[in-house]
Amino acid sequence: MYLRDSLHSSEGFAAAAFAAFFIAMTAGRLTGDRLAARFGAVRLVRATAG
């Protein structure tokens, strides 16, 4: 809605942007879970907080 209403993008572009966000979020969560299982949550947060 932000892209379409505020930035006046086309509906197709807004839908593609939402799909790209959703895919990136899913990949990040799957990768993050695996990294947390492998290295531990504390070590992962220390390595990525910066």
C-alpha atoms as a PDB file:
ATOM      1  CA  MET A   1       0.000   0.000   0.000  1.00  0.00           C
ATOM      2  CA  TYR A   2       2.872   2.358   0.753  1.00  0.00           C
ATOM      3  CA  LEU A   3       4.449   1.858  -2.664  1.00  0.00           C
ATOM      4  CA  ARG A   4       1.167   2.147  -4.487  1.00  0.00           C
ATOM      5  CA  ASP A   5      -0.484   4.966  -2.530  1.00  0.00           C
ATOM      6  CA  SER A   6       2.406   7.090  -1.262  1.00  0.00           C
ATOM      7  CA  LEU A   7       4.985   6.576  -3.980  1.00  0.00           C
ATOM      8  CA  HIS A   8       2.449   6.159  -6.809  1.00  0.00           C
ATOM      9  CA  SER A   9       3.986   2.941  -8.115  1.00  0.00           C
ATOM     10  CA  SER A  10       2.078   0.571 -10.336  1.00  0.00           C
ATOM     11  CA  GLU A  11       0.170  -2.299  -8.777  1.00  0.00           C
ATOM     12  CA  GLY A  12       2.447  -4.796 -10.506  1.00  0.00           C
ATOM     13  CA  PHE A  13       5.578  -3.211  -9.087  1.00  0.00           C
ATOM     14  CA  ALA A  14       4.080  -3.078  -5.603  1.00  0.00           C
ATOM     15  CA  ALA A  15       3.156  -6.766  -5.819  1.00  0.00           C
ATOM     16  CA  ALA A  16       6.645  -7.689  -7.040  1.00  0.00           C
ATOM     17  CA  ALA A  17       8.254  -5.684  -4.238  1.00  0.00           C
ATOM     18  CA  PHE A  18       6.093  -7.456  -1.652  1.00  0.00           C
ATOM     19  CA  ALA A  19       6.999 -10.849  -3.129  1.00  0.00           C
ATOM     20  CA  ALA A  20      10.717  -9.982  -3.056  1.00  0.00           C
ATOM     21  CA  PHE A  21      10.424  -8.863   0.580  1.00  0.00           C
ATOM     22  CA  PHE A  22       8.598 -12.053   1.537  1.00  0.00           C
ATOM     23  CA  ILE A  23      11.188 -14.277  -0.183  1.00  0.00           C
ATOM     24  CA  ALA A  24      14.086 -12.402   1.449  1.00  0.00           C
ATOM     25  CA  MET A  25      12.427 -12.613   4.868  1.00  0.00           C
ATOM     26  CA  THR A  26      11.857 -16.350   4.497  1.00  0.00           C
ATOM     27  CA  ALA A  27      15.424 -16.963   3.350  1.00  0.00           C
ATOM     28  CA  GLY A  28      16.775 -14.896   6.228  1.00  0.00           C
ATOM     29  CA  ARG A  29      14.738 -16.764   8.795  1.00  0.00           C
ATOM     30  CA  LEU A  30      15.710 -20.169   7.447  1.00  0.00           C
ATOM     31  CA  THR A  31      19.360 -19.193   7.271  1.00  0.00           C
ATOM     32  CA  GLY A  32      19.261 -17.574  10.698  1.00  0.00           C
ATOM     33  CA  ASP A  33      17.747 -20.657  12.298  1.00  0.00           C
ATOM     34  CA  ARG A  34      20.430 -22.877  10.815  1.00  0.00           C
ATOM     35  CA  LEU A  35      23.210 -20.522  11.850  1.00  0.00           C
ATOM     36  CA  ALA A  36      21.810 -20.283  15.375  1.00  0.00           C
ATOM     37  CA  ALA A  37      21.652 -24.069  15.629  1.00  0.00           C
ATOM     38  CA  ARG A  38      25.207 -24.406  14.341  1.00  0.00           C
ATOM     39  CA  PHE A  39      26.973 -21.593  16.220  1.00  0.00           C
ATOM     40  CA  GLY A  40      24.619 -20.808  19.093  1.00  0.00           C
ATOM     41  CA  ALA A  41      22.352 -17.825  19.563  1.00  0.00           C
ATOM     42  CA  VAL A  42      24.750 -15.738  21.665  1.00  0.00           C
ATOM     43  CA  ARG A  43      27.644 -16.144  19.248  1.00  0.00           C
ATOM     44  CA  LEU A  44      25.397 -15.366  16.281  1.00  0.00           C
ATOM     45  CA  VAL A  45      24.094 -12.155  17.849  1.00  0.00           C
ATOM     46  CA  ARG A  46      27.602 -11.048  18.770  1.00  0.00           C
ATOM     47  CA  ALA A  47      28.817 -11.687  15.213  1.00  0.00           C
ATOM     48  CA  THR A  48      25.956  -9.865  13.515  1.00  0.00           C
ATOM     49  CA  ALA A  49      25.378  -6.944  15.873  1.00  0.00           C
ATOM     50  CA  GLY A  50      27.546  -4.289  14.555  1.00  0.00           C
END
